Amino acid sequence: MTSSWGRRLAASISAAVAVAAIAFVASTFVILVASQLNSAALATTTPYVGWNSLAALVLGFVAALLGAMDRRWIAVVTGIVLALVSTLLGTLVLFTVLKVTLSGDAWGQLLQSFIGINLPFWLSVAIAFPTAGYAVFRAVDGGERAERRIALVRIPAGNLAEGLTTHIDRQPVDTELADKQWDGYVAALSQAGWQTVEVASADRLADSVFVEDTAVVFGDTAVITLPGAESRQAEPAGTEAALRAQGLRLERIEAPGTLEGGDVLKVGSTVYVGRGGRTNAEGVRQLRAIVAPLGYSVVAVPMTKALHLKTAVTALPDGTVIGYEPIVDEPRIFERFLPVPEAEGTAVVVLSEDTVLMSSSAPQSVALVESLGYTVVQVDISEFEKLEGCVTCLSIRIR
């Protein structure tokens, strides 16, 4: 639920006041100690600290209101910039009040103050903004920021038709139609309220459009995979750059472990991992070690009848696992399992608590899901299904 502007305004003011107050008190205390508790020194230093604090208050409020507190890493960067700019502006205002002519000597004095009298202040702001300020903002805001919904996508490679197939016979791929279908898929995500971000294209990596296989996201942590197919092992580099730009903390699967994102199905705090041709036991072990501290438990699932786990099963928003039984090795491993009538109906992308994305190639499965009270957005991805792709494969969802 999106927080009201009133709440955001109050949170921004509160955070800015907290940062300015901390910086004022901390820098004044440091200066007082440095002057051996000589209170007379405060008469000289208080104007510096006072104008700087006022500048930090105003700029901090504006920054928080514009989104500087939306993510911790943004707050860290903003805190550093805010510290330096507020110190500069505050000192310039003081010079103006004191009618100091901004000559070369005055500018030299101003710059020297950054490693002198102003040093405690700007360091305090740089530290306080992403820590105490961030905490105050979140507390007042109530944690009700709009849900983050970002989908990473990757344009089809020029040699898409050369993509790998393992469990189905190869069929001719119409690459022009595939491009149009990809555009439709991206448009469907955008219309459902998801921000789509393109991973840098990899025009000679045939399977690169199936970007889901290159990373798995757990909140603010992304696990960069090591694909089991050697021809795909250059794909994660582009995804890693895109995830880093989103400010996520990165972990990775290292050789000899292999893991592809299509083998990872998250249902609440349980992570089902398909152990098959593309994901090996060491990959499962490494993922378990990475996500256990994040509060997830990993359940390994044997896979022999399909390319990936999510080729065979996915989950509805309520946690019910749906799948096409002929390609599911062991349906009893899932707490709640619902069979679907078509192989192309196994995959759903959860768009919201009541809406999912499915392939138009599975009308009976779509009808089944709709009968459960969900709204189904349908997309045609027939050319990608010829390469064992599905609606989950074509994006990495960040919530």
Protein backbone atom coordinates (compact mmCIF):
# COMPACT_ATOMS: atom_id res chain seq x y z
CA MET A 1 0.00 0.00 0.00
CA THR A 2 1.39 3.37 -0.97
CA SER A 3 2.04 5.72 1.91
CA SER A 4 0.14 9.01 1.78
CA TRP A 5 1.93 12.21 0.88
CA GLY A 6 1.17 13.43 4.37
CA ARG A 7 3.02 10.51 5.91
CA ARG A 8 5.91 10.89 3.47
CA LEU A 9 6.10 14.60 4.23
CA ALA A 10 6.18 13.95 7.98
CA ALA A 11 8.81 11.23 7.53
CA SER A 12 11.00 13.52 5.42
CA ILE A 13 10.80 16.37 7.94
CA SER A 14 11.50 14.04 10.87
CA ALA A 15 14.50 12.46 9.18
CA ALA A 16 15.95 15.84 8.19
CA VAL A 17 15.53 17.23 11.72
CA ALA A 18 17.17 14.13 13.19
CA VAL A 19 20.17 14.36 10.86
CA ALA A 20 20.65 18.10 11.38
CA ALA A 21 20.32 17.77 15.17
CA ILE A 22 22.78 14.88 15.35
CA ALA A 23 25.29 16.73 13.18
CA PHE A 24 24.92 19.93 15.25
CA VAL A 25 25.36 18.20 18.60
CA ALA A 26 28.13 15.84 17.44
CA SER A 27 30.23 18.50 15.74
CA THR A 28 29.77 20.98 18.59
CA PHE A 29 30.85 18.34 21.09
CA VAL A 30 33.92 17.40 19.05
CA ILE A 31 34.96 21.04 18.72
CA LEU A 32 34.42 21.61 22.43
CA VAL A 33 36.57 18.60 23.33
CA ALA A 34 39.24 19.66 20.84
CA SER A 35 39.39 23.09 22.46
CA GLN A 36 39.86 21.46 25.88
CA LEU A 37 36.34 22.35 27.02
CA ASN A 38 36.94 26.03 26.42
CA SER A 39 33.42 27.39 26.12
CA ALA A 40 34.74 30.56 24.53
CA ALA A 41 35.60 28.50 21.43
CA LEU A 42 31.89 27.88 20.89
CA ALA A 43 31.30 31.53 20.15
CA THR A 44 33.56 31.16 17.11
CA THR A 45 32.40 27.75 15.97
CA THR A 46 28.64 27.89 16.59
CA PRO A 47 27.94 30.11 13.54
CA TYR A 48 29.70 27.59 11.30
CA VAL A 49 27.77 24.68 12.78
CA GLY A 50 24.48 26.58 12.92
CA TRP A 51 24.34 27.62 9.25
CA ASN A 52 25.60 24.22 8.13
CA SER A 53 22.88 22.51 10.16
CA LEU A 54 20.20 24.72 8.67
CA ALA A 55 21.44 23.89 5.16
CA ALA A 56 21.49 20.17 6.02
CA LEU A 57 17.95 20.42 7.40
CA VAL A 58 16.53 21.99 4.24
CA LEU A 59 18.48 19.87 1.76
CA GLY A 60 17.90 16.69 3.76
CA PHE A 61 14.16 17.29 3.77
CA VAL A 62 14.08 17.84 0.00
CA ALA A 63 16.27 14.79 -0.66
CA ALA A 64 14.12 12.51 1.52
CA LEU A 65 10.92 13.80 -0.05
CA LEU A 66 12.31 13.07 -3.54
CA GLY A 67 13.18 9.47 -2.70
CA ALA A 68 16.64 9.45 -1.10
CA MET A 69 15.30 7.22 1.69
CA ASP A 70 13.60 4.72 -0.60
CA ARG A 71 16.64 2.42 -0.61
CA ARG A 72 19.54 2.19 1.81
CA TRP A 73 22.23 2.47 -0.87
CA ILE A 74 20.60 5.64 -2.24
CA ALA A 75 20.63 7.08 1.28
CA VAL A 76 24.36 6.29 1.61
CA VAL A 77 25.25 8.09 -1.62
CA THR A 78 22.91 10.99 -0.87
CA GLY A 79 24.34 11.32 2.64
CA ILE A 80 27.84 11.90 1.31
CA VAL A 81 26.68 14.46 -1.26
CA LEU A 82 24.40 16.14 1.27
CA ALA A 83 27.21 16.41 3.80
CA LEU A 84 29.55 18.20 1.41
CA VAL A 85 26.93 20.44 -0.23
CA SER A 86 25.33 21.54 3.06
CA THR A 87 28.75 22.36 4.49
CA LEU A 88 29.61 24.41 1.41
CA LEU A 89 26.29 26.28 1.39
CA GLY A 90 26.29 26.86 5.13
CA THR A 91 29.79 28.32 5.06
CA LEU A 92 28.95 30.51 2.07
CA VAL A 93 25.92 31.88 3.92
CA LEU A 94 28.09 32.57 6.96
CA PHE A 95 30.62 34.42 4.81
CA THR A 96 27.78 36.46 3.32
CA VAL A 97 26.42 37.34 6.77
CA LEU A 98 29.89 38.32 7.92
CA LYS A 99 30.34 40.29 4.68
CA VAL A 100 33.46 38.34 3.77
CA THR A 101 34.54 39.09 0.20
CA LEU A 102 34.82 35.85 -1.76
CA SER A 103 38.36 36.40 -2.89
CA GLY A 104 40.90 33.72 -3.58
CA ASP A 105 41.95 33.75 0.07
CA ALA A 106 38.35 33.36 1.21
CA TRP A 107 37.80 30.37 -1.09
CA GLY A 108 41.03 28.87 0.19
CA GLN A 109 39.81 29.31 3.76
CA LEU A 110 36.48 27.72 2.87
CA LEU A 111 38.07 24.66 1.27
CA GLN A 112 40.53 24.30 4.12
CA SER A 113 37.60 24.25 6.56
CA PHE A 114 36.53 20.87 5.14
CA ILE A 115 39.53 19.29 6.82
CA GLY A 116 39.43 21.71 9.75
CA ILE A 117 36.54 23.25 11.62
CA ASN A 118 33.87 21.76 9.31
CA LEU A 119 35.27 18.23 9.31
CA PRO A 120 33.21 16.93 12.29
CA PHE A 121 30.03 18.36 10.79
CA TRP A 122 30.12 16.87 7.31
CA LEU A 123 31.33 13.51 8.63
CA SER A 124 28.40 13.50 11.07
CA VAL A 125 25.91 14.21 8.28
CA ALA A 126 27.41 11.57 5.98
CA ILE A 127 27.05 8.95 8.73
CA ALA A 128 23.74 10.09 10.23
CA PHE A 129 21.73 10.39 7.00
CA PRO A 130 21.83 6.69 5.94
CA THR A 131 21.67 5.41 9.54
CA ALA A 132 19.65 7.44 12.06
CA GLY A 133 17.92 9.49 9.35
CA TYR A 134 16.99 6.37 7.40
CA ALA A 135 15.67 4.67 10.55
CA VAL A 136 13.57 7.70 11.53
CA PHE A 137 12.14 8.00 8.02
CA ARG A 138 11.15 4.33 7.96
CA ALA A 139 9.64 4.50 11.43
CA VAL A 140 7.48 7.54 10.64
CA ASP A 141 6.64 6.32 7.15
CA GLY A 142 5.45 3.05 8.65
CA GLY A 143 7.26 0.93 6.04
CA GLU A 144 4.34 1.45 3.67
CA ARG A 145 6.31 2.40 0.62
CA ALA A 146 4.83 1.34 -2.67
CA GLU A 147 5.69 -2.26 -3.41
CA ARG A 148 8.80 -2.53 -5.54
CA ARG A 149 7.96 -4.32 -8.78
CA ILE A 150 10.80 -4.42 -11.28
CA ALA A 151 11.19 -6.96 -14.08
CA LEU A 152 14.54 -7.44 -15.79
CA VAL A 153 14.14 -8.53 -19.42
CA ARG A 154 16.58 -9.19 -22.27
CA ILE A 155 15.88 -8.71 -25.95
CA PRO A 156 16.10 -11.91 -28.06
CA ALA A 157 19.48 -12.61 -29.64
CA GLY A 158 19.86 -12.57 -33.40
CA ASN A 159 20.57 -16.30 -33.35
CA LEU A 160 17.59 -17.18 -31.13
CA ALA A 161 16.67 -20.07 -33.42
CA GLU A 162 19.91 -21.82 -32.41
CA GLY A 163 18.79 -22.03 -28.77
CA LEU A 164 19.18 -25.31 -26.90
CA THR A 165 16.47 -27.98 -26.71
CA THR A 166 16.71 -31.12 -24.59
CA HIS A 167 13.30 -32.67 -23.88
CA ILE A 168 11.41 -31.70 -27.04
CA ASP A 169 12.05 -32.03 -30.77
CA ARG A 170 13.55 -28.99 -32.49
CA GLN A 171 11.09 -26.91 -34.50
CA PRO A 172 11.70 -23.93 -36.82
CA VAL A 173 11.57 -20.64 -34.91
CA ASP A 174 10.13 -17.52 -36.55
CA THR A 175 12.50 -14.90 -35.12
CA GLU A 176 10.47 -11.93 -36.40
CA LEU A 177 7.38 -13.28 -34.67
CA ALA A 178 9.47 -13.99 -31.56
CA ASP A 179 10.52 -10.33 -31.45
CA LYS A 180 6.87 -9.23 -31.63
CA GLN A 181 5.90 -11.73 -28.93
CA TRP A 182 8.70 -10.47 -26.70
CA ASP A 183 7.43 -6.91 -27.15
CA GLY A 184 3.97 -8.11 -26.16
CA TYR A 185 5.33 -9.86 -23.08
CA VAL A 186 7.18 -6.73 -21.93
CA ALA A 187 4.11 -4.60 -22.61
CA ALA A 188 1.96 -6.94 -20.50
CA LEU A 189 4.34 -6.54 -17.55
CA SER A 190 4.34 -2.76 -17.92
CA GLN A 191 0.55 -2.58 -18.15
CA ALA A 192 0.34 -4.64 -14.96
CA GLY A 193 2.35 -1.98 -13.12
CA TRP A 194 5.83 -3.48 -13.37
CA GLN A 195 8.84 -1.35 -14.25
CA THR A 196 10.72 -3.20 -16.99
CA VAL A 197 14.49 -2.82 -17.14
CA GLU A 198 16.45 -4.21 -20.07
CA VAL A 199 19.59 -6.21 -19.42
CA ALA A 200 22.29 -5.40 -21.98
CA SER A 201 21.68 -7.44 -25.13
CA ALA A 202 23.84 -10.45 -25.95
CA ASP A 203 23.24 -10.87 -29.65
CA ARG A 204 25.38 -14.00 -30.12
CA LEU A 205 24.13 -15.85 -27.04
CA ALA A 206 21.13 -17.70 -28.43
CA ASP A 207 19.44 -18.49 -25.11
CA SER A 208 20.08 -15.12 -23.45
CA VAL A 209 16.43 -14.04 -23.76
CA PHE A 210 15.69 -16.60 -21.03
CA VAL A 211 17.16 -14.19 -18.51
CA GLU A 212 15.54 -15.85 -15.48
CA ASP A 213 18.16 -18.60 -15.60
CA THR A 214 21.01 -16.18 -14.81
CA ALA A 215 19.97 -14.99 -11.34
CA VAL A 216 17.55 -15.59 -8.48
CA VAL A 217 16.38 -12.73 -6.25
CA PHE A 218 15.60 -13.06 -2.54
CA GLY A 219 14.48 -9.64 -1.32
CA ASP A 220 17.52 -7.36 -1.47
CA THR A 221 19.89 -10.25 -2.28
CA ALA A 222 20.50 -11.61 -5.77
CA VAL A 223 22.24 -14.91 -6.40
CA ILE A 224 24.16 -14.89 -9.69
CA THR A 225 23.93 -18.38 -11.14
CA LEU A 226 26.38 -20.55 -13.04
CA PRO A 227 24.37 -22.17 -15.86
CA GLY A 228 24.78 -25.89 -16.35
CA ALA A 229 24.92 -25.49 -20.13
CA GLU A 230 28.42 -24.38 -21.08
CA SER A 231 27.13 -22.29 -23.98
CA ARG A 232 25.16 -20.16 -21.49
CA GLN A 233 27.87 -19.44 -18.96
CA ALA A 234 28.65 -16.01 -20.43
CA GLU A 235 25.05 -14.84 -19.91
CA PRO A 236 25.09 -13.92 -16.18
CA ALA A 237 27.62 -11.07 -16.61
CA GLY A 238 25.05 -8.76 -18.17
CA THR A 239 22.44 -9.66 -15.58
CA GLU A 240 24.90 -9.04 -12.77
CA ALA A 241 25.51 -5.49 -14.00
CA ALA A 242 21.76 -4.81 -14.16
CA LEU A 243 21.18 -6.19 -10.65
CA ARG A 244 24.10 -4.20 -9.28
CA ALA A 245 22.53 -1.06 -10.74
CA GLN A 246 19.36 -1.87 -8.77
CA GLY A 247 21.41 -1.79 -5.56
CA LEU A 248 21.00 -5.47 -4.68
CA ARG A 249 23.54 -7.35 -2.61
CA LEU A 250 25.14 -10.01 -4.80
CA GLU A 251 26.04 -13.61 -4.04
CA ARG A 252 27.07 -16.19 -6.60
CA ILE A 253 27.21 -19.89 -7.38
CA GLU A 254 30.80 -20.99 -7.93
CA ALA A 255 32.17 -23.95 -9.92
CA PRO A 256 31.91 -26.90 -9.64
CA GLY A 257 28.38 -25.96 -8.62
CA THR A 258 25.85 -25.23 -11.37
CA LEU A 259 22.41 -23.73 -10.99
CA GLU A 260 19.90 -22.12 -13.34
CA GLY A 261 17.13 -19.82 -12.17
CA GLY A 262 14.46 -21.85 -13.96
CA ASP A 263 15.13 -24.59 -11.41
CA VAL A 264 14.28 -22.37 -8.44
CA LEU A 265 10.68 -22.00 -7.24
CA LYS A 266 9.98 -19.85 -4.16
CA VAL A 267 6.82 -20.57 -2.17
CA GLY A 268 6.80 -18.44 0.95
CA SER A 269 9.99 -19.22 2.86
CA THR A 270 10.44 -22.57 1.09
CA VAL A 271 12.72 -22.71 -1.94
CA TYR A 272 12.20 -25.74 -4.18
CA VAL A 273 15.24 -26.43 -6.35
CA GLY A 274 15.11 -28.83 -9.28
CA ARG A 275 18.05 -31.20 -9.27
CA GLY A 276 18.35 -32.14 -12.92
CA GLY A 277 20.42 -31.67 -16.05
CA ARG A 278 21.25 -27.98 -15.52
CA THR A 279 21.47 -27.75 -11.71
CA ASN A 280 23.76 -30.10 -9.81
CA ALA A 281 23.98 -31.15 -6.16
CA GLU A 282 26.80 -28.71 -5.42
CA GLY A 283 24.73 -25.86 -6.83
CA VAL A 284 21.86 -26.85 -4.53
CA ARG A 285 24.26 -27.00 -1.56
CA GLN A 286 25.68 -23.55 -2.28
CA LEU A 287 22.24 -22.01 -2.68
CA ARG A 288 21.13 -23.57 0.60
CA ALA A 289 24.12 -22.02 2.37
CA ILE A 290 23.41 -18.60 0.85
CA VAL A 291 19.69 -18.37 1.59
CA ALA A 292 19.53 -20.06 5.00
CA PRO A 293 20.69 -16.87 6.80
CA LEU A 294 17.98 -14.99 4.88
CA GLY A 295 15.28 -17.18 6.43
CA TYR A 296 14.68 -19.60 3.56
CA SER A 297 14.78 -23.40 3.59
CA VAL A 298 15.79 -25.29 0.46
CA VAL A 299 14.04 -28.46 -0.69
CA ALA A 300 15.75 -30.34 -3.51
CA VAL A 301 13.38 -31.81 -6.12
CA PRO A 302 14.40 -34.59 -8.51
CA MET A 303 14.00 -33.59 -12.16
CA THR A 304 14.26 -36.07 -15.04
CA LYS A 305 11.24 -35.33 -17.26
CA ALA A 306 11.60 -31.60 -17.99
CA LEU A 307 14.30 -29.04 -18.64
CA HIS A 308 13.75 -27.01 -15.47
CA LEU A 309 11.64 -27.30 -12.35
CA LYS A 310 9.53 -24.35 -13.50
CA THR A 311 8.97 -26.07 -16.83
CA ALA A 312 6.99 -28.61 -14.81
CA VAL A 313 5.56 -26.59 -11.88
CA THR A 314 5.07 -23.03 -10.63
CA ALA A 315 2.99 -21.56 -7.81
CA LEU A 316 -0.13 -19.43 -7.57
CA PRO A 317 -0.18 -16.41 -5.24
CA ASP A 318 -1.75 -18.48 -2.44
CA GLY A 319 1.13 -20.96 -2.55
CA THR A 320 -0.67 -23.73 -4.42
CA VAL A 321 1.80 -25.46 -6.74
CA ILE A 322 0.40 -26.19 -10.19
CA GLY A 323 1.97 -28.57 -12.69
CA TYR A 324 1.51 -30.92 -15.59
CA GLU A 325 1.70 -34.35 -13.99
CA PRO A 326 3.30 -36.27 -16.89
CA ILE A 327 6.47 -34.18 -16.48
CA VAL A 328 6.50 -33.92 -12.66
CA ASP A 329 8.73 -36.53 -11.04
CA GLU A 330 7.21 -36.39 -7.57
CA PRO A 331 4.14 -34.16 -7.00
CA ARG A 332 3.80 -35.37 -3.39
CA ILE A 333 6.87 -33.34 -2.45
CA PHE A 334 4.76 -30.17 -2.58
CA GLU A 335 2.43 -29.27 0.27
CA ARG A 336 -0.47 -28.42 -2.08
CA PHE A 337 -0.38 -29.64 -5.69
CA LEU A 338 -2.97 -28.95 -8.38
CA PRO A 339 -2.63 -30.65 -11.81
CA VAL A 340 -3.24 -28.59 -14.94
CA PRO A 341 -4.45 -30.14 -18.23
CA GLU A 342 -1.77 -28.75 -20.59
CA ALA A 343 2.03 -28.71 -20.57
CA GLU A 344 2.05 -25.01 -21.50
CA GLY A 345 -0.25 -24.24 -18.53
CA THR A 346 2.29 -25.05 -15.85
CA ALA A 347 3.90 -21.61 -15.77
CA VAL A 348 2.46 -18.54 -14.08
CA VAL A 349 4.12 -15.22 -13.31
CA VAL A 350 2.56 -13.69 -10.22
CA LEU A 351 1.77 -10.07 -11.08
CA SER A 352 -0.13 -9.30 -7.86
CA GLU A 353 -2.08 -11.09 -5.15
CA ASP A 354 -5.00 -11.66 -7.54
CA THR A 355 -3.45 -11.52 -11.03
CA VAL A 356 -1.14 -13.87 -12.90
CA LEU A 357 0.44 -14.00 -16.34
CA MET A 358 0.03 -17.19 -18.40
CA SER A 359 0.61 -18.46 -21.93
CA SER A 360 -2.30 -18.25 -24.35
CA SER A 361 -1.25 -21.71 -25.58
CA ALA A 362 -3.03 -23.28 -22.58
CA PRO A 363 -6.71 -22.18 -22.66
CA GLN A 364 -7.94 -25.01 -20.42
CA SER A 365 -5.32 -24.24 -17.79
CA VAL A 366 -6.16 -20.53 -17.99
CA ALA A 367 -9.82 -21.39 -17.41
CA LEU A 368 -8.87 -23.53 -14.41
CA VAL A 369 -6.85 -20.74 -12.81
CA GLU A 370 -9.61 -18.21 -13.50
CA SER A 371 -12.10 -20.55 -11.82
CA LEU A 372 -10.02 -20.20 -8.64
CA GLY A 373 -10.75 -16.48 -8.56
CA TYR A 374 -7.63 -15.13 -10.27
CA THR A 375 -7.42 -12.66 -13.11
CA VAL A 376 -5.27 -14.11 -15.89
CA VAL A 377 -3.32 -11.94 -18.32
CA GLN A 378 -2.54 -14.02 -21.43
CA VAL A 379 0.45 -13.60 -23.74
CA ASP A 380 1.43 -15.47 -26.87
CA ILE A 381 4.97 -16.88 -26.50
CA SER A 382 4.69 -19.79 -28.93
CA GLU A 383 8.12 -19.21 -30.52
CA PHE A 384 9.84 -19.33 -27.12
CA GLU A 385 7.90 -22.46 -26.16
CA LYS A 386 9.57 -24.14 -29.16
CA LEU A 387 12.82 -23.68 -27.22
CA GLU A 388 11.39 -24.99 -23.92
CA GLY A 389 10.75 -21.47 -22.70
CA CYS A 390 7.77 -20.25 -20.69
CA VAL A 391 6.42 -17.02 -19.20
CA THR A 392 8.69 -17.23 -16.15
CA CYS A 393 11.87 -17.68 -18.21
CA LEU A 394 11.62 -14.29 -19.92
CA SER A 395 12.10 -12.07 -16.87
CA ILE A 396 13.62 -11.75 -13.42
CA ARG A 397 11.13 -10.26 -11.01
CA ILE A 398 12.36 -8.02 -8.20
CA ARG A 399 9.85 -7.31 -5.43
